[in-house]
Amino acid sequence: MYRTNAYSLRMEEIFARFWENLLSRPDGPMHLRFIFQPIVASVLAIRSGLSDAREGRRGFLGSLIMNHGSRRELMSEAWGDIGKLFIMACLLDLIFQVIALRWFYPLETFVVAIILSFVPYVIVRSLTRSIVKIFRG
Protein backbone atom coordinates (compact mmCIF):
# COMPACT_ATOMS: atom_id res chain seq x y z
CA MET A 1 0.00 0.00 0.00
CA TYR A 2 2.79 2.43 0.92
CA ARG A 3 4.50 1.81 -2.37
CA THR A 4 1.46 2.80 -4.41
CA ASN A 5 1.03 6.03 -2.45
CA ALA A 6 4.71 6.92 -2.77
CA TYR A 7 4.60 6.18 -6.48
CA SER A 8 1.42 8.23 -6.83
CA LEU A 9 3.00 11.17 -5.01
CA ARG A 10 6.11 10.93 -7.17
CA MET A 11 4.03 10.97 -10.38
CA GLU A 12 2.10 13.99 -9.12
CA GLU A 13 5.40 15.78 -8.47
CA ILE A 14 6.63 14.90 -11.96
CA PHE A 15 3.42 16.15 -13.62
CA ALA A 16 3.45 19.34 -11.52
CA ARG A 17 7.08 20.03 -12.48
CA PHE A 18 6.33 19.17 -16.10
CA TRP A 19 3.47 21.70 -16.37
CA GLU A 20 5.35 24.35 -14.40
CA ASN A 21 8.40 24.01 -16.65
CA LEU A 22 6.26 23.90 -19.79
CA LEU A 23 4.33 27.04 -18.89
CA SER A 24 7.48 28.94 -17.90
CA ARG A 25 9.13 28.51 -21.32
CA PRO A 26 7.37 31.33 -23.22
CA ASP A 27 8.42 33.84 -20.57
CA GLY A 28 11.99 32.63 -20.18
CA PRO A 29 15.09 33.06 -22.28
CA MET A 30 14.80 32.22 -25.97
CA HIS A 31 11.08 33.02 -25.95
CA LEU A 32 11.09 34.19 -29.59
CA ARG A 33 11.23 30.58 -30.75
CA PHE A 34 7.58 30.33 -29.68
CA ILE A 35 6.83 32.81 -32.44
CA PHE A 36 9.28 31.89 -35.20
CA GLN A 37 9.09 28.09 -35.14
CA PRO A 38 5.30 27.93 -35.60
CA ILE A 39 5.60 30.55 -38.37
CA VAL A 40 8.19 28.45 -40.21
CA ALA A 41 6.05 25.32 -39.71
CA SER A 42 3.04 27.23 -41.08
CA VAL A 43 4.92 28.38 -44.17
CA LEU A 44 6.02 24.81 -44.87
CA ALA A 45 2.45 23.63 -44.27
CA ILE A 46 0.98 26.20 -46.67
CA ARG A 47 3.34 24.99 -49.37
CA SER A 48 2.33 21.37 -48.76
CA GLY A 49 -1.38 22.24 -48.46
CA LEU A 50 -1.27 24.02 -51.83
CA SER A 51 0.39 20.94 -53.30
CA ASP A 52 -2.32 18.72 -51.79
CA ALA A 53 -5.04 20.91 -53.34
CA ARG A 54 -3.28 21.02 -56.72
CA GLU A 55 -2.94 17.22 -56.81
CA GLY A 56 -6.52 16.67 -55.60
CA ARG A 57 -5.53 14.79 -52.45
CA ARG A 58 -7.68 14.58 -49.34
CA GLY A 59 -6.95 16.82 -46.39
CA PHE A 60 -3.82 15.89 -44.47
CA LEU A 61 -5.39 15.55 -41.03
CA GLY A 62 -8.40 13.63 -42.34
CA SER A 63 -6.16 11.26 -44.28
CA LEU A 64 -3.88 10.83 -41.30
CA ILE A 65 -6.79 9.85 -39.06
CA MET A 66 -9.03 7.91 -41.45
CA ASN A 67 -6.75 6.37 -44.07
CA HIS A 68 -4.71 3.73 -42.27
CA GLY A 69 -3.06 2.49 -45.45
CA SER A 70 -1.35 5.77 -46.34
CA ARG A 71 -0.52 6.89 -42.80
CA ARG A 72 3.14 5.84 -43.08
CA GLU A 73 3.52 7.65 -46.40
CA LEU A 74 1.88 10.82 -45.01
CA MET A 75 4.08 10.81 -41.91
CA SER A 76 7.16 10.29 -44.05
CA GLU A 77 6.16 13.24 -46.23
CA ALA A 78 5.47 15.43 -43.17
CA TRP A 79 8.80 14.44 -41.61
CA GLY A 80 10.52 15.42 -44.85
CA ASP A 81 8.89 18.84 -44.60
CA ILE A 82 9.39 19.57 -40.91
CA GLY A 83 12.05 17.10 -39.75
CA LYS A 84 14.80 19.72 -39.58
CA LEU A 85 12.48 22.17 -37.85
CA PHE A 86 11.54 19.49 -35.29
CA ILE A 87 15.20 18.72 -34.58
CA MET A 88 15.94 22.44 -34.27
CA ALA A 89 13.03 22.80 -31.82
CA CYS A 90 14.51 19.95 -29.75
CA LEU A 91 17.99 21.49 -29.77
CA LEU A 92 16.73 24.94 -28.83
CA ASP A 93 14.67 23.50 -25.99
CA LEU A 94 17.68 21.57 -24.69
CA ILE A 95 19.69 24.80 -24.73
CA PHE A 96 16.84 26.50 -22.86
CA GLN A 97 16.84 23.72 -20.28
CA VAL A 98 20.58 24.08 -19.67
CA ILE A 99 20.27 27.86 -19.28
CA ALA A 100 17.04 28.12 -17.28
CA LEU A 101 16.51 24.78 -15.57
CA ARG A 102 20.09 23.52 -15.24
CA TRP A 103 18.90 20.01 -16.15
CA PHE A 104 17.65 17.94 -19.10
CA TYR A 105 14.05 16.75 -19.31
CA PRO A 106 13.78 14.76 -22.58
CA LEU A 107 10.01 14.26 -22.44
CA GLU A 108 9.47 18.00 -22.02
CA THR A 109 11.76 18.63 -24.99
CA PHE A 110 9.75 16.23 -27.12
CA VAL A 111 6.42 17.80 -26.12
CA VAL A 112 7.66 21.34 -26.82
CA ALA A 113 9.06 20.30 -30.21
CA ILE A 114 5.73 18.72 -31.17
CA ILE A 115 3.81 21.82 -30.04
CA LEU A 116 6.10 24.21 -31.92
CA SER A 117 6.50 22.28 -35.17
CA PHE A 118 4.14 19.38 -35.79
CA VAL A 119 0.88 20.81 -34.41
CA PRO A 120 0.99 24.05 -36.45
CA TYR A 121 2.07 22.08 -39.52
CA VAL A 122 -0.85 19.64 -39.36
CA ILE A 123 -3.45 22.32 -38.66
CA VAL A 124 -2.26 24.82 -41.28
CA ARG A 125 -1.70 22.20 -43.97
CA SER A 126 -5.24 20.88 -43.54
CA LEU A 127 -6.74 24.38 -43.45
CA THR A 128 -4.80 25.51 -46.51
CA ARG A 129 -6.02 22.60 -48.60
CA SER A 130 -9.60 23.16 -47.42
CA ILE A 131 -9.53 26.90 -48.15
CA VAL A 132 -8.11 26.38 -51.64
CA LYS A 133 -10.76 23.74 -52.33
CA ILE A 134 -13.54 26.11 -51.20
CA PHE A 135 -12.31 28.96 -53.40
CA ARG A 136 -11.79 26.74 -56.43
CA GLY A 137 -15.29 25.35 -56.06
C-alpha atoms as a PDB file:
ATOM      1  CA  MET A   1       0.000   0.000   0.000  1.00  0.00           C
ATOM      2  CA  TYR A   2       2.787   2.427   0.919  1.00  0.00           C
ATOM      3  CA  ARG A   3       4.502   1.808  -2.374  1.00  0.00           C
ATOM      4  CA  THR A   4       1.460   2.796  -4.409  1.00  0.00           C
ATOM      5  CA  ASN A   5       1.025   6.026  -2.453  1.00  0.00           C
ATOM      6  CA  ALA A   6       4.714   6.922  -2.770  1.00  0.00           C
ATOM      7  CA  TYR A   7       4.602   6.180  -6.480  1.00  0.00           C
ATOM      8  CA  SER A   8       1.424   8.225  -6.826  1.00  0.00           C
ATOM      9  CA  LEU A   9       3.000  11.173  -5.007  1.00  0.00           C
ATOM     10  CA  ARG A  10       6.111  10.930  -7.170  1.00  0.00           C
ATOM     11  CA  MET A  11       4.027  10.968 -10.379  1.00  0.00           C
ATOM     12  CA  GLU A  12       2.096  13.988  -9.119  1.00  0.00           C
ATOM     13  CA  GLU A  13       5.400  15.780  -8.469  1.00  0.00           C
ATOM     14  CA  ILE A  14       6.631  14.901 -11.961  1.00  0.00           C
ATOM     15  CA  PHE A  15       3.424  16.146 -13.616  1.00  0.00           C
ATOM     16  CA  ALA A  16       3.449  19.335 -11.517  1.00  0.00           C
ATOM     17  CA  ARG A  17       7.083  20.029 -12.477  1.00  0.00           C
ATOM     18  CA  PHE A  18       6.333  19.172 -16.102  1.00  0.00           C
ATOM     19  CA  TRP A  19       3.474  21.697 -16.365  1.00  0.00           C
ATOM     20  CA  GLU A  20       5.352  24.349 -14.398  1.00  0.00           C
ATOM     21  CA  ASN A  21       8.400  24.006 -16.649  1.00  0.00           C
ATOM     22  CA  LEU A  22       6.263  23.904 -19.788  1.00  0.00           C
ATOM     23  CA  LEU A  23       4.326  27.043 -18.887  1.00  0.00           C
ATOM     24  CA  SER A  24       7.482  28.937 -17.897  1.00  0.00           C
ATOM     25  CA  ARG A  25       9.128  28.506 -21.321  1.00  0.00           C
ATOM     26  CA  PRO A  26       7.367  31.335 -23.219  1.00  0.00           C
ATOM     27  CA  ASP A  27       8.419  33.845 -20.565  1.00  0.00           C
ATOM     28  CA  GLY A  28      11.988  32.629 -20.185  1.00  0.00           C
ATOM     29  CA  PRO A  29      15.094  33.057 -22.284  1.00  0.00           C
ATOM     30  CA  MET A  30      14.797  32.220 -25.970  1.00  0.00           C
ATOM     31  CA  HIS A  31      11.079  33.020 -25.955  1.00  0.00           C
ATOM     32  CA  LEU A  32      11.093  34.188 -29.593  1.00  0.00           C
ATOM     33  CA  ARG A  33      11.229  30.579 -30.753  1.00  0.00           C
ATOM     34  CA  PHE A  34       7.580  30.326 -29.677  1.00  0.00           C
ATOM     35  CA  ILE A  35       6.831  32.813 -32.443  1.00  0.00           C
ATOM     36  CA  PHE A  36       9.282  31.895 -35.196  1.00  0.00           C
ATOM     37  CA  GLN A  37       9.090  28.092 -35.143  1.00  0.00           C
ATOM     38  CA  PRO A  38       5.296  27.932 -35.598  1.00  0.00           C
ATOM     39  CA  ILE A  39       5.599  30.547 -38.366  1.00  0.00           C
ATOM     40  CA  VAL A  40       8.186  28.448 -40.208  1.00  0.00           C
ATOM     41  CA  ALA A  41       6.052  25.321 -39.709  1.00  0.00           C
ATOM     42  CA  SER A  42       3.045  27.227 -41.075  1.00  0.00           C
ATOM     43  CA  VAL A  43       4.925  28.377 -44.172  1.00  0.00           C
ATOM     44  CA  LEU A  44       6.023  24.807 -44.874  1.00  0.00           C
ATOM     45  CA  ALA A  45       2.449  23.633 -44.269  1.00  0.00           C
ATOM     46  CA  ILE A  46       0.982  26.202 -46.666  1.00  0.00           C
ATOM     47  CA  ARG A  47       3.339  24.994 -49.365  1.00  0.00           C
ATOM     48  CA  SER A  48       2.326  21.372 -48.757  1.00  0.00           C
ATOM     49  CA  GLY A  49      -1.380  22.244 -48.463  1.00  0.00           C
ATOM     50  CA  LEU A  50      -1.271  24.018 -51.831  1.00  0.00           C
ATOM     51  CA  SER A  51       0.393  20.944 -53.298  1.00  0.00           C
ATOM     52  CA  ASP A  52      -2.324  18.722 -51.794  1.00  0.00           C
ATOM     53  CA  ALA A  53      -5.036  20.906 -53.342  1.00  0.00           C
ATOM     54  CA  ARG A  54      -3.282  21.016 -56.715  1.00  0.00           C
ATOM     55  CA  GLU A  55      -2.941  17.219 -56.806  1.00  0.00           C
ATOM     56  CA  GLY A  56      -6.520  16.669 -55.599  1.00  0.00           C
ATOM     57  CA  ARG A  57      -5.533  14.793 -52.449  1.00  0.00           C
ATOM     58  CA  ARG A  58      -7.682  14.576 -49.340  1.00  0.00           C
ATOM     59  CA  GLY A  59      -6.948  16.815 -46.389  1.00  0.00           C
ATOM     60  CA  PHE A  60      -3.821  15.893 -44.472  1.00  0.00           C
ATOM     61  CA  LEU A  61      -5.395  15.550 -41.028  1.00  0.00           C
ATOM     62  CA  GLY A  62      -8.396  13.628 -42.338  1.00  0.00           C
ATOM     63  CA  SER A  63      -6.163  11.262 -44.284  1.00  0.00           C
ATOM     64  CA  LEU A  64      -3.882  10.829 -41.303  1.00  0.00           C
ATOM     65  CA  ILE A  65      -6.793   9.853 -39.058  1.00  0.00           C
ATOM     66  CA  MET A  66      -9.026   7.912 -41.454  1.00  0.00           C
ATOM     67  CA  ASN A  67      -6.752   6.367 -44.073  1.00  0.00           C
ATOM     68  CA  HIS A  68      -4.707   3.733 -42.272  1.00  0.00           C
ATOM     69  CA  GLY A  69      -3.059   2.493 -45.455  1.00  0.00           C
ATOM     70  CA  SER A  70      -1.345   5.766 -46.340  1.00  0.00           C
ATOM     71  CA  ARG A  71      -0.515   6.890 -42.796  1.00  0.00           C
ATOM     72  CA  ARG A  72       3.139   5.839 -43.078  1.00  0.00           C
ATOM     73  CA  GLU A  73       3.523   7.654 -46.396  1.00  0.00           C
ATOM     74  CA  LEU A  74       1.883  10.815 -45.011  1.00  0.00           C
ATOM     75  CA  MET A  75       4.077  10.813 -41.905  1.00  0.00           C
ATOM     76  CA  SER A  76       7.160  10.294 -44.049  1.00  0.00           C
ATOM     77  CA  GLU A  77       6.164  13.243 -46.226  1.00  0.00           C
ATOM     78  CA  ALA A  78       5.471  15.425 -43.167  1.00  0.00           C
ATOM     79  CA  TRP A  79       8.801  14.435 -41.610  1.00  0.00           C
ATOM     80  CA  GLY A  80      10.521  15.420 -44.853  1.00  0.00           C
ATOM     81  CA  ASP A  81       8.887  18.842 -44.598  1.00  0.00           C
ATOM     82  CA  ILE A  82       9.393  19.570 -40.906  1.00  0.00           C
ATOM     83  CA  GLY A  83      12.054  17.104 -39.750  1.00  0.00           C
ATOM     84  CA  LYS A  84      14.799  19.719 -39.579  1.00  0.00           C
ATOM     85  CA  LEU A  85      12.479  22.165 -37.849  1.00  0.00           C
ATOM     86  CA  PHE A  86      11.540  19.493 -35.291  1.00  0.00           C
ATOM     87  CA  ILE A  87      15.197  18.717 -34.585  1.00  0.00           C
ATOM     88  CA  MET A  88      15.941  22.441 -34.273  1.00  0.00           C
ATOM     89  CA  ALA A  89      13.034  22.798 -31.823  1.00  0.00           C
ATOM     90  CA  CYS A  90      14.508  19.948 -29.753  1.00  0.00           C
ATOM     91  CA  LEU A  91      17.994  21.486 -29.770  1.00  0.00           C
ATOM     92  CA  LEU A  92      16.734  24.943 -28.829  1.00  0.00           C
ATOM     93  CA  ASP A  93      14.674  23.498 -25.991  1.00  0.00           C
ATOM     94  CA  LEU A  94      17.683  21.566 -24.692  1.00  0.00           C
ATOM     95  CA  ILE A  95      19.689  24.799 -24.727  1.00  0.00           C
ATOM     96  CA  PHE A  96      16.845  26.503 -22.863  1.00  0.00           C
ATOM     97  CA  GLN A  97      16.845  23.724 -20.276  1.00  0.00           C
ATOM     98  CA  VAL A  98      20.580  24.077 -19.672  1.00  0.00           C
ATOM     99  CA  ILE A  99      20.266  27.858 -19.277  1.00  0.00           C
ATOM    100  CA  ALA A 100      17.044  28.115 -17.282  1.00  0.00           C
ATOM    101  CA  LEU A 101      16.510  24.777 -15.575  1.00  0.00           C
ATOM    102  CA  ARG A 102      20.092  23.516 -15.238  1.00  0.00           C
ATOM    103  CA  TRP A 103      18.903  20.012 -16.145  1.00  0.00           C
ATOM    104  CA  PHE A 104      17.651  17.941 -19.099  1.00  0.00           C
ATOM    105  CA  TYR A 105      14.052  16.745 -19.314  1.00  0.00           C
ATOM    106  CA  PRO A 106      13.780  14.761 -22.581  1.00  0.00           C
ATOM    107  CA  LEU A 107      10.009  14.260 -22.437  1.00  0.00           C
ATOM    108  CA  GLU A 108       9.467  18.005 -22.025  1.00  0.00           C
ATOM    109  CA  THR A 109      11.759  18.630 -24.987  1.00  0.00           C
ATOM    110  CA  PHE A 110       9.751  16.229 -27.121  1.00  0.00           C
ATOM    111  CA  VAL A 111       6.423  17.800 -26.123  1.00  0.00           C
ATOM    112  CA  VAL A 112       7.663  21.343 -26.818  1.00  0.00           C
ATOM    113  CA  ALA A 113       9.058  20.300 -30.212  1.00  0.00           C
ATOM    114  CA  ILE A 114       5.728  18.717 -31.168  1.00  0.00           C
ATOM    115  CA  ILE A 115       3.808  21.822 -30.042  1.00  0.00           C
ATOM    116  CA  LEU A 116       6.101  24.206 -31.923  1.00  0.00           C
ATOM    117  CA  SER A 117       6.498  22.280 -35.166  1.00  0.00           C
ATOM    118  CA  PHE A 118       4.136  19.381 -35.789  1.00  0.00           C
ATOM    119  CA  VAL A 119       0.878  20.810 -34.411  1.00  0.00           C
ATOM    120  CA  PRO A 120       0.988  24.051 -36.448  1.00  0.00           C
ATOM    121  CA  TYR A 121       2.069  22.081 -39.520  1.00  0.00           C
ATOM    122  CA  VAL A 122      -0.850  19.644 -39.356  1.00  0.00           C
ATOM    123  CA  ILE A 123      -3.450  22.323 -38.661  1.00  0.00           C
ATOM    124  CA  VAL A 124      -2.258  24.823 -41.275  1.00  0.00           C
ATOM    125  CA  ARG A 125      -1.702  22.198 -43.966  1.00  0.00           C
ATOM    126  CA  SER A 126      -5.235  20.878 -43.542  1.00  0.00           C
ATOM    127  CA  LEU A 127      -6.744  24.375 -43.452  1.00  0.00           C
ATOM    128  CA  THR A 128      -4.799  25.511 -46.514  1.00  0.00           C
ATOM    129  CA  ARG A 129      -6.022  22.601 -48.604  1.00  0.00           C
ATOM    130  CA  SER A 130      -9.605  23.161 -47.421  1.00  0.00           C
ATOM    131  CA  ILE A 131      -9.528  26.899 -48.147  1.00  0.00           C
ATOM    132  CA  VAL A 132      -8.106  26.375 -51.636  1.00  0.00           C
ATOM    133  CA  LYS A 133     -10.760  23.738 -52.326  1.00  0.00           C
ATOM    134  CA  ILE A 134     -13.542  26.107 -51.197  1.00  0.00           C
ATOM    135  CA  PHE A 135     -12.312  28.963 -53.400  1.00  0.00           C
ATOM    136  CA  ARG A 136     -11.790  26.744 -56.428  1.00  0.00           C
ATOM    137  CA  GLY A 137     -15.289  25.350 -56.062  1.00  0.00           C
END
